[in-house]
C-alpha cells in the first residue's frame, strides 16, 4: 500500500499522470511547429508515443476497476 492505494494501481496511475503531462507539452510544441522535415517529425513521434502510453495506462487502470 502506498498512500492508501495498492502498488498495482499506484504505479500505472503515476505513469499515466506523467505521460499525460508530457503529451500535453509535446502536443503544444508539435502543433506550433511548421510541417517540415526535422524537428516537427521528431516531436510528432514523441507526441504519438506518449499518447499511446496514456491510452495503455488508462486501459490498465480501467481494467483494475475502482479501488476506493
Protein backbone atom coordinates (compact mmCIF):
# COMPACT_ATOMS: atom_id res chain seq x y z
CA UNK A 1 0.00 0.00 0.00
CA UNK A 2 1.18 3.45 -0.87
CA UNK A 3 -0.86 6.40 0.34
CA UNK A 4 -3.97 4.25 0.52
CA UNK A 5 -3.58 2.77 -2.96
CA UNK A 6 -2.30 -0.72 -3.74
CA UNK A 7 1.01 -0.63 -5.57
CA UNK A 8 -0.59 -2.33 -8.60
CA UNK A 9 -2.80 0.77 -9.02
CA UNK A 10 -0.37 3.45 -7.87
CA UNK A 11 2.38 2.75 -10.42
CA UNK A 12 0.12 2.86 -13.52
CA UNK A 13 -1.53 5.97 -12.09
CA UNK A 14 1.80 7.77 -11.73
CA UNK A 15 2.90 6.72 -15.22
CA UNK A 16 -0.47 7.82 -16.62
CA UNK A 17 -0.25 11.26 -14.99
CA UNK A 18 3.30 11.90 -16.15
CA UNK A 19 2.60 10.67 -19.66
CA UNK A 20 -0.48 12.89 -19.81
CA UNK A 21 1.55 15.93 -18.84
CA UNK A 22 4.25 15.04 -21.36
CA UNK A 23 1.59 14.53 -24.05
CA UNK A 24 0.20 17.99 -23.39
CA UNK A 25 3.61 19.63 -23.61
CA UNK A 26 4.75 17.75 -26.71
CA UNK A 27 1.38 18.36 -28.34
CA UNK A 28 1.66 22.12 -27.93
CA UNK A 29 5.20 22.09 -29.30
CA UNK A 30 4.26 19.81 -32.21
CA UNK A 31 1.22 21.82 -33.24
CA UNK A 32 3.17 25.08 -33.12
CA UNK A 33 5.94 23.89 -35.47
CA UNK A 34 5.64 24.14 -39.26
CA UNK A 35 5.28 20.79 -41.05
CA UNK A 36 8.79 20.43 -42.41
CA UNK A 37 11.49 17.82 -42.14
CA UNK A 38 13.49 17.72 -38.97
CA UNK A 39 12.18 18.87 -35.62
CA UNK A 40 8.48 18.51 -36.45
CA UNK A 41 8.75 14.79 -37.17
CA UNK A 42 10.75 14.13 -34.02
CA UNK A 43 8.22 15.99 -31.82
CA UNK A 44 5.33 14.30 -33.62
CA UNK A 45 6.84 10.88 -32.88
CA UNK A 46 7.27 11.80 -29.19
CA UNK A 47 3.66 13.03 -29.05
CA UNK A 48 2.29 9.83 -30.56
CA UNK A 49 4.31 7.58 -28.25
CA UNK A 50 3.30 9.45 -25.11
CA UNK A 51 -0.34 9.43 -26.28
CA UNK A 52 -0.03 5.66 -26.71
CA UNK A 53 1.28 5.34 -23.15
CA UNK A 54 -1.69 7.38 -21.87
CA UNK A 55 -4.08 5.08 -23.73
CA UNK A 56 -2.42 1.91 -22.43
CA UNK A 57 -2.28 3.06 -18.81
CA UNK A 58 -5.91 4.21 -19.00
CA UNK A 59 -6.84 0.75 -20.25
CA UNK A 60 -4.91 -0.88 -17.40
CA UNK A 61 -6.49 1.39 -14.80
CA UNK A 62 -9.99 0.77 -16.14
CA UNK A 63 -9.40 -2.98 -16.12
CA UNK A 64 -8.36 -2.83 -12.46
CA UNK A 65 -11.62 -1.16 -11.57
CA UNK A 66 -12.34 1.21 -8.69
CA UNK A 67 -10.16 0.65 -5.64
CA UNK A 68 -11.62 3.18 -3.25
